[in-house]
PDB file of N, CA and C in Angstrom:
ATOM      1  N   MET A   1      76.490 121.890  13.087  1.00  0.00           N
ATOM      2  CA  MET A   1      76.907 120.766  12.275  1.00  0.00           C
ATOM      3  C   MET A   1      76.382 120.939  10.848  1.00  0.00           C
ATOM      4  N   VAL A   2      77.265 120.790   9.862  1.00  0.00           N
ATOM      5  CA  VAL A   2      76.891 120.893   8.463  1.00  0.00           C
ATOM      6  C   VAL A   2      76.525 119.507   7.951  1.00  0.00           C
ATOM      7  N   THR A   3      75.383 119.416   7.297  1.00  0.00           N
ATOM      8  CA  THR A   3      74.951 118.128   6.772  1.00  0.00           C
ATOM      9  C   THR A   3      75.172 118.077   5.268  1.00  0.00           C
ATOM     10  N   GLU A   4      75.119 116.874   4.732  1.00  0.00           N
ATOM     11  CA  GLU A   4      75.280 116.681   3.308  1.00  0.00           C
ATOM     12  C   GLU A   4      74.047 117.175   2.571  1.00  0.00           C
ATOM     13  N   LYS A   5      74.249 117.987   1.569  1.00  0.00           N
ATOM     14  CA  LYS A   5      73.144 118.501   0.763  1.00  0.00           C
ATOM     15  C   LYS A   5      73.086 117.728  -0.549  1.00  0.00           C
ATOM     16  N   ARG A   6      71.874 117.322  -0.935  1.00  0.00           N
ATOM     17  CA  ARG A   6      71.665 116.566  -2.170  1.00  0.00           C
ATOM     18  C   ARG A   6      71.148 117.519  -3.249  1.00  0.00           C
ATOM     19  N   ILE A   7      71.812 117.496  -4.394  1.00  0.00           N
ATOM     20  CA  ILE A   7      71.454 118.359  -5.524  1.00  0.00           C
ATOM     21  C   ILE A   7      71.176 117.470  -6.732  1.00  0.00           C
ATOM     22  N   SER A   8      70.078 117.746  -7.422  1.00  0.00           N
ATOM     23  CA  SER A   8      69.741 117.009  -8.642  1.00  0.00           C
ATOM     24  C   SER A   8      70.121 117.841  -9.857  1.00  0.00           C
ATOM     25  N   VAL A   9      70.784 117.192 -10.793  1.00  0.00           N
ATOM     26  CA  VAL A   9      71.221 117.826 -12.035  1.00  0.00           C
ATOM     27  C   VAL A   9      70.691 116.985 -13.186  1.00  0.00           C
ATOM     28  N   PHE A  10      70.173 117.650 -14.209  1.00  0.00           N
ATOM     29  CA  PHE A  10      69.612 116.953 -15.356  1.00  0.00           C
ATOM     30  C   PHE A  10      70.460 117.219 -16.591  1.00  0.00           C
ATOM     31  N   ALA A  11      70.970 116.146 -17.181  1.00  0.00           N
ATOM     32  CA  ALA A  11      71.829 116.236 -18.353  1.00  0.00           C
ATOM     33  C   ALA A  11      71.129 115.555 -19.520  1.00  0.00           C
ATOM     34  N   GLU A  12      70.724 116.347 -20.491  1.00  0.00           N
ATOM     35  CA  GLU A  12      70.021 115.798 -21.658  1.00  0.00           C
ATOM     36  C   GLU A  12      70.962 115.784 -22.849  1.00  0.00           C
ATOM     37  N   TRP A  13      71.094 114.630 -23.475  1.00  0.00           N
ATOM     38  CA  TRP A  13      71.966 114.480 -24.632  1.00  0.00           C
ATOM     39  C   TRP A  13      71.322 115.102 -25.854  1.00  0.00           C
ATOM     40  N   ASP A  14      72.069 115.969 -26.530  1.00  0.00           N
ATOM     41  CA  ASP A  14      71.630 116.591 -27.774  1.00  0.00           C
ATOM     42  C   ASP A  14      72.416 115.926 -28.897  1.00  0.00           C
ATOM     43  N   PRO A  15      71.784 115.024 -29.669  1.00  0.00           N
ATOM     44  CA  PRO A  15      72.522 114.292 -30.689  1.00  0.00           C
ATOM     45  C   PRO A  15      73.047 115.172 -31.820  1.00  0.00           C
ATOM     46  N   GLU A  16      72.358 116.251 -32.119  1.00  0.00           N
ATOM     47  CA  GLU A  16      72.815 117.143 -33.192  1.00  0.00           C
ATOM     48  C   GLU A  16      74.082 117.889 -32.785  1.00  0.00           C
ATOM     49  N   ALA A  17      74.106 118.423 -31.573  1.00  0.00           N
ATOM     50  CA  ALA A  17      75.272 119.168 -31.087  1.00  0.00           C
ATOM     51  C   ALA A  17      76.326 118.244 -30.479  1.00  0.00           C
ATOM     52  N   GLU A  18      75.925 117.000 -30.190  1.00  0.00           N
ATOM     53  CA  GLU A  18      76.791 116.009 -29.562  1.00  0.00           C
ATOM     54  C   GLU A  18      77.340 116.480 -28.214  1.00  0.00           C
ATOM     55  N   VAL A  19      76.437 117.010 -27.397  1.00  0.00           N
ATOM     56  CA  VAL A  19      76.782 117.454 -26.046  1.00  0.00           C
ATOM     57  C   VAL A  19      75.624 117.153 -25.094  1.00  0.00           C
ATOM     58  N   PHE A  20      75.957 117.071 -23.810  1.00  0.00           N
ATOM     59  CA  PHE A  20      74.944 117.055 -22.767  1.00  0.00           C
ATOM     60  C   PHE A  20      74.642 118.501 -22.413  1.00  0.00           C
ATOM     61  N   SER A  21      73.371 118.878 -22.413  1.00  0.00           N
ATOM     62  CA  SER A  21      72.939 120.181 -21.928  1.00  0.00           C
ATOM     63  C   SER A  21      72.478 119.983 -20.490  1.00  0.00           C
ATOM     64  N   VAL A  22      73.016 120.798 -19.578  1.00  0.00           N
ATOM     65  CA  VAL A  22      72.825 120.555 -18.160  1.00  0.00           C
ATOM     66  C   VAL A  22      72.120 121.718 -17.475  1.00  0.00           C
ATOM     67  N   THR A  23      71.125 121.387 -16.642  1.00  0.00           N
ATOM     68  CA  THR A  23      70.413 122.374 -15.828  1.00  0.00           C
ATOM     69  C   THR A  23      70.093 121.754 -14.477  1.00  0.00           C
ATOM     70  N   SER A  24      69.669 122.607 -13.540  1.00  0.00           N
ATOM     71  CA  SER A  24      69.250 122.127 -12.227  1.00  0.00           C
ATOM     72  C   SER A  24      68.360 123.159 -11.569  1.00  0.00           C
ATOM     73  N   GLU A  25      67.228 122.716 -11.051  1.00  0.00           N
ATOM     74  CA  GLU A  25      66.362 123.605 -10.277  1.00  0.00           C
ATOM     75  C   GLU A  25      66.954 123.871  -8.901  1.00  0.00           C
ATOM     76  N   ASP A  26      67.841 122.996  -8.443  1.00  0.00           N
ATOM     77  CA  ASP A  26      68.454 123.146  -7.123  1.00  0.00           C
ATOM     78  C   ASP A  26      69.581 124.179  -7.105  1.00  0.00           C
ATOM     79  N   VAL A  27      70.107 124.519  -8.285  1.00  0.00           N
ATOM     80  CA  VAL A  27      71.220 125.462  -8.378  1.00  0.00           C
ATOM     81  C   VAL A  27      70.835 126.541  -9.386  1.00  0.00           C
ATOM     82  N   PRO A  28      70.235 127.649  -8.922  1.00  0.00           N
ATOM     83  CA  PRO A  28      69.845 128.721  -9.838  1.00  0.00           C
ATOM     84  C   PRO A  28      71.034 129.200 -10.664  1.00  0.00           C
ATOM     85  N   GLY A  29      70.804 129.305 -11.971  1.00  0.00           N
ATOM     86  CA  GLY A  29      71.840 129.783 -12.868  1.00  0.00           C
ATOM     87  C   GLY A  29      72.682 128.695 -13.498  1.00  0.00           C
ATOM     88  N   LEU A  30      72.490 127.446 -13.087  1.00  0.00           N
ATOM     89  CA  LEU A  30      73.301 126.367 -13.637  1.00  0.00           C
ATOM     90  C   LEU A  30      72.821 126.016 -15.037  1.00  0.00           C
ATOM     91  N   VAL A  31      73.647 126.341 -16.001  1.00  0.00           N
ATOM     92  CA  VAL A  31      73.433 125.965 -17.396  1.00  0.00           C
ATOM     93  C   VAL A  31      74.815 125.757 -17.982  1.00  0.00           C
ATOM     94  N   THR A  32      75.090 124.547 -18.450  1.00  0.00           N
ATOM     95  CA  THR A  32      76.394 124.270 -19.054  1.00  0.00           C
ATOM     96  C   THR A  32      76.240 123.123 -20.029  1.00  0.00           C
ATOM     97  N   GLU A  33      77.287 122.881 -20.791  1.00  0.00           N
ATOM     98  CA  GLU A  33      77.306 121.774 -21.737  1.00  0.00           C
ATOM     99  C   GLU A  33      78.616 121.015 -21.589  1.00  0.00           C
ATOM    100  N   ALA A  34      78.581 119.731 -21.962  1.00  0.00           N
ATOM    101  CA  ALA A  34      79.793 118.917 -21.938  1.00  0.00           C
ATOM    102  C   ALA A  34      79.663 117.815 -22.970  1.00  0.00           C
ATOM    103  N   ARG A  35      80.781 117.452 -23.563  1.00  0.00           N
ATOM    104  CA  ARG A  35      80.789 116.419 -24.615  1.00  0.00           C
ATOM    105  C   ARG A  35      80.700 114.996 -24.059  1.00  0.00           C
ATOM    106  N   ASN A  36      81.054 114.815 -22.785  1.00  0.00           N
ATOM    107  CA  ASN A  36      80.942 113.479 -22.189  1.00  0.00           C
ATOM    108  C   ASN A  36      80.764 113.616 -20.677  1.00  0.00           C
ATOM    109  N   SER A  37      80.467 112.498 -20.029  1.00  0.00           N
ATOM    110  CA  SER A  37      80.152 112.538 -18.607  1.00  0.00           C
ATOM    111  C   SER A  37      81.360 112.894 -17.747  1.00  0.00           C
ATOM    112  N   GLU A  38      82.560 112.516 -18.170  1.00  0.00           N
ATOM    113  CA  GLU A  38      83.757 112.848 -17.390  1.00  0.00           C
ATOM    114  C   GLU A  38      83.987 114.356 -17.350  1.00  0.00           C
ATOM    115  N   ILE A  39      83.870 114.995 -18.501  1.00  0.00           N
ATOM    116  CA  ILE A  39      84.025 116.452 -18.560  1.00  0.00           C
ATOM    117  C   ILE A  39      82.907 117.123 -17.773  1.00  0.00           C
ATOM    118  N   LEU A  40      81.705 116.578 -17.872  1.00  0.00           N
ATOM    119  CA  LEU A  40      80.569 117.135 -17.145  1.00  0.00           C
ATOM    120  C   LEU A  40      80.827 117.149 -15.644  1.00  0.00           C
ATOM    121  N   VAL A  41      81.285 116.039 -15.103  1.00  0.00           N
ATOM    122  CA  VAL A  41      81.545 115.949 -13.666  1.00  0.00           C
ATOM    123  C   VAL A  41      82.634 116.942 -13.261  1.00  0.00           C
ATOM    124  N   GLU A  42      83.689 117.065 -14.050  1.00  0.00           N
ATOM    125  CA  GLU A  42      84.753 118.034 -13.754  1.00  0.00           C
ATOM    126  C   GLU A  42      84.197 119.456 -13.693  1.00  0.00           C
ATOM    127  N   LYS A  43      83.351 119.808 -14.662  1.00  0.00           N
ATOM    128  CA  LYS A  43      82.772 121.148 -14.692  1.00  0.00           C
ATOM    129  C   LYS A  43      81.858 121.388 -13.491  1.00  0.00           C
ATOM    130  N   LEU A  44      81.035 120.384 -13.157  1.00  0.00           N
ATOM    131  CA  LEU A  44      80.090 120.548 -12.052  1.00  0.00           C
ATOM    132  C   LEU A  44      80.792 120.715 -10.714  1.00  0.00           C
ATOM    133  N   ARG A  45      81.932 120.057 -10.532  1.00  0.00           N
ATOM    134  CA  ARG A  45      82.692 120.194  -9.280  1.00  0.00           C
ATOM    135  C   ARG A  45      83.156 121.630  -9.053  1.00  0.00           C
ATOM    136  N   ILE A  46      83.327 122.366 -10.113  1.00  0.00           N
ATOM    137  CA  ILE A  46      83.741 123.765 -10.022  1.00  0.00           C
ATOM    138  C   ILE A  46      82.536 124.700 -10.000  1.00  0.00           C
ATOM    139  N   ILE A  47      81.620 124.484 -10.941  1.00  0.00           N
ATOM    140  CA  ILE A  47      80.503 125.413 -11.149  1.00  0.00           C
ATOM    141  C   ILE A  47      79.507 125.419  -9.991  1.00  0.00           C
ATOM    142  N   ILE A  48      79.118 124.246  -9.494  1.00  0.00           N
ATOM    143  CA  ILE A  48      78.070 124.190  -8.465  1.00  0.00           C
ATOM    144  C   ILE A  48      78.454 124.949  -7.201  1.00  0.00           C
ATOM    145  N   PRO A  49      79.614 124.720  -6.596  1.00  0.00           N
ATOM    146  CA  PRO A  49      79.947 125.498  -5.398  1.00  0.00           C
ATOM    147  C   PRO A  49      80.019 127.011  -5.666  1.00  0.00           C
ATOM    148  N   GLU A  50      80.534 127.391  -6.846  1.00  0.00           N
ATOM    149  CA  GLU A  50      80.609 128.815  -7.184  1.00  0.00           C
ATOM    150  C   GLU A  50      79.222 129.433  -7.280  1.00  0.00           C
ATOM    151  N   LEU A  51      78.295 128.740  -7.960  1.00  0.00           N
ATOM    152  CA  LEU A  51      76.937 129.274  -8.095  1.00  0.00           C
ATOM    153  C   LEU A  51      76.203 129.305  -6.758  1.00  0.00           C
ATOM    154  N   LEU A  52      76.385 128.296  -5.940  1.00  0.00           N
ATOM    155  CA  LEU A  52      75.743 128.302  -4.618  1.00  0.00           C
ATOM    156  C   LEU A  52      76.228 129.496  -3.797  1.00  0.00           C
ATOM    157  N   GLU A  53      77.515 129.774  -3.866  1.00  0.00           N
ATOM    158  CA  GLU A  53      78.066 130.918  -3.136  1.00  0.00           C
ATOM    159  C   GLU A  53      77.512 132.234  -3.691  1.00  0.00           C
ATOM    160  N   LEU A  54      77.452 132.349  -5.015  1.00  0.00           N
ATOM    161  CA  LEU A  54      76.898 133.562  -5.634  1.00  0.00           C
ATOM    162  C   LEU A  54      75.421 133.753  -5.288  1.00  0.00           C
ATOM    163  N   ASN A  55      74.715 132.648  -5.059  1.00  0.00           N
ATOM    164  CA  ASN A  55      73.295 132.705  -4.702  1.00  0.00           C
ATOM    165  C   ASN A  55      73.076 132.887  -3.203  1.00  0.00           C
ATOM    166  N   GLY A  56      74.168 133.134  -2.456  1.00  0.00           N
ATOM    167  CA  GLY A  56      74.030 133.437  -1.036  1.00  0.00           C
ATOM    168  C   GLY A  56      74.152 132.251  -0.109  1.00  0.00           C
ATOM    169  N   ASN A  57      74.454 131.084  -0.628  1.00  0.00           N
ATOM    170  CA  ASN A  57      74.613 129.897   0.212  1.00  0.00           C
ATOM    171  C   ASN A  57      76.093 129.747   0.540  1.00  0.00           C
ATOM    172  N   GLN A  58      76.522 130.373   1.608  1.00  0.00           N
ATOM    173  CA  GLN A  58      77.932 130.379   1.982  1.00  0.00           C
ATOM    174  C   GLN A  58      78.379 129.084   2.649  1.00  0.00           C
ATOM    175  N   ASP A  59      77.474 128.400   3.322  1.00  0.00           N
ATOM    176  CA  ASP A  59      77.841 127.207   4.090  1.00  0.00           C
ATOM    177  C   ASP A  59      77.087 126.001   3.546  1.00  0.00           C
ATOM    178  N   HIS A  60      77.512 125.505   2.389  1.00  0.00           N
ATOM    179  CA  HIS A  60      76.798 124.396   1.776  1.00  0.00           C
ATOM    180  C   HIS A  60      77.317 123.039   2.221  1.00  0.00           C
ATOM    181  N   GLY A  61      78.442 122.990   2.919  1.00  0.00           N
ATOM    182  CA  GLY A  61      78.965 121.725   3.433  1.00  0.00           C
ATOM    183  C   GLY A  61      79.278 120.744   2.314  1.00  0.00           C
ATOM    184  N   ASP A  62      79.164 119.466   2.619  1.00  0.00           N
ATOM    185  CA  ASP A  62      79.399 118.451   1.600  1.00  0.00           C
ATOM    186  C   ASP A  62      78.201 118.373   0.660  1.00  0.00           C
ATOM    187  N   LEU A  63      78.490 118.216  -0.622  1.00  0.00           N
ATOM    188  CA  LEU A  63      77.431 118.134  -1.620  1.00  0.00           C
ATOM    189  C   LEU A  63      77.376 116.738  -2.221  1.00  0.00           C
ATOM    190  N   CYS A  64      76.173 116.243  -2.396  1.00  0.00           N
ATOM    191  CA  CYS A  64      75.951 114.991  -3.099  1.00  0.00           C
ATOM    192  C   CYS A  64      75.179 115.366  -4.368  1.00  0.00           C
ATOM    193  N   VAL A  65      75.814 115.212  -5.512  1.00  0.00           N
ATOM    194  CA  VAL A  65      75.201 115.603  -6.774  1.00  0.00           C
ATOM    195  C   VAL A  65      74.705 114.361  -7.499  1.00  0.00           C
ATOM    196  N   GLU A  66      73.391 114.324  -7.720  1.00  0.00           N
ATOM    197  CA  GLU A  66      72.779 113.244  -8.487  1.00  0.00           C
ATOM    198  C   GLU A  66      72.616 113.743  -9.918  1.00  0.00           C
ATOM    199  N   ILE A  67      73.218 113.036 -10.859  1.00  0.00           N
ATOM    200  CA  ILE A  67      73.131 113.433 -12.257  1.00  0.00           C
ATOM    201  C   ILE A  67      72.202 112.463 -12.974  1.00  0.00           C
ATOM    202  N   PHE A  68      71.143 113.011 -13.529  1.00  0.00           N
ATOM    203  CA  PHE A  68      70.161 112.215 -14.267  1.00  0.00           C
ATOM    204  C   PHE A  68      70.396 112.440 -15.754  1.00  0.00           C
ATOM    205  N   TYR A  69      70.838 111.392 -16.437  1.00  0.00           N
ATOM    206  CA  TYR A  69      71.114 111.485 -17.863  1.00  0.00           C
ATOM    207  C   TYR A  69      69.879 111.071 -18.653  1.00  0.00           C
ATOM    208  N   THR A  70      69.523 111.876 -19.646  1.00  0.00           N
ATOM    209  CA  THR A  70      68.392 111.546 -20.505  1.00  0.00           C
ATOM    210  C   THR A  70      68.771 111.802 -21.952  1.00  0.00           C
ATOM    211  N   THR A  71      68.019 111.188 -22.817  1.00  0.00           N
ATOM    212  CA  THR A  71      68.154 111.462 -24.240  1.00  0.00           C
ATOM    213  C   THR A  71      66.764 111.415 -24.849  1.00  0.00           C
ATOM    214  N   VAL A  72      66.585 112.174 -25.891  1.00  0.00           N
ATOM    215  CA  VAL A  72      65.311 112.190 -26.604  1.00  0.00           C
ATOM    216  C   VAL A  72      65.595 111.772 -28.035  1.00  0.00           C
ATOM    217  N   GLU A  73      64.890 110.770 -28.478  1.00  0.00           N
ATOM    218  CA  GLU A  73      65.072 110.268 -29.835  1.00  0.00           C
ATOM    219  C   GLU A  73      63.736 110.293 -30.560  1.00  0.00           C
ATOM    220  N   LYS A  74      63.781 110.629 -31.828  1.00  0.00           N
ATOM    221  CA  LYS A  74      62.586 110.559 -32.652  1.00  0.00           C
ATOM    222  C   LYS A  74      62.473 109.160 -33.214  1.00  0.00           C
ATOM    223  N   VAL A  75      61.258 108.626 -33.177  1.00  0.00           N
ATOM    224  CA  VAL A  75      61.007 107.288 -33.703  1.00  0.00           C
ATOM    225  C   VAL A  75      59.851 107.386 -34.693  1.00  0.00           C
ATOM    226  N   ASN A  76      60.085 106.924 -35.899  1.00  0.00           N
ATOM    227  CA  ASN A  76      59.018 106.913 -36.900  1.00  0.00           C
ATOM    228  C   ASN A  76      58.093 105.722 -36.624  1.00  0.00           C
ATOM    229  N   VAL A  77      56.817 106.001 -36.585  1.00  0.00           N
ATOM    230  CA  VAL A  77      55.835 104.959 -36.348  1.00  0.00           C
ATOM    231  C   VAL A  77      54.951 104.860 -37.580  1.00  0.00           C
ATOM    232  N   TYR A  78      54.946 103.692 -38.157  1.00  0.00           N
ATOM    233  CA  TYR A  78      54.114 103.465 -39.349  1.00  0.00           C
ATOM    234  C   TYR A  78      52.914 102.633 -38.937  1.00  0.00           C
ATOM    235  N   VAL A  79      51.746 103.168 -39.194  1.00  0.00           N
ATOM    236  CA  VAL A  79      50.512 102.482 -38.812  1.00  0.00           C
ATOM    237  C   VAL A  79      49.868 101.876 -40.025  1.00  0.00           C
TER     238      VAL A  79
END
């Protein structure tokens, strides 16, 4: 029986490039960018199964992908 596998993906917004930069420790080799979350999800649906197969995981079954969106902003603090 194949069980659902949970994968964590981290998407950090780069305000200068205006893209999400995406990585995951659960999927070796996963590095991509997308201008919005819809495009990101479309890309991940293709890329993740391909990378898992290339990494030797032939029977990954159903995948549950958790996408964690973050952004880093500089804030000036005047003391």
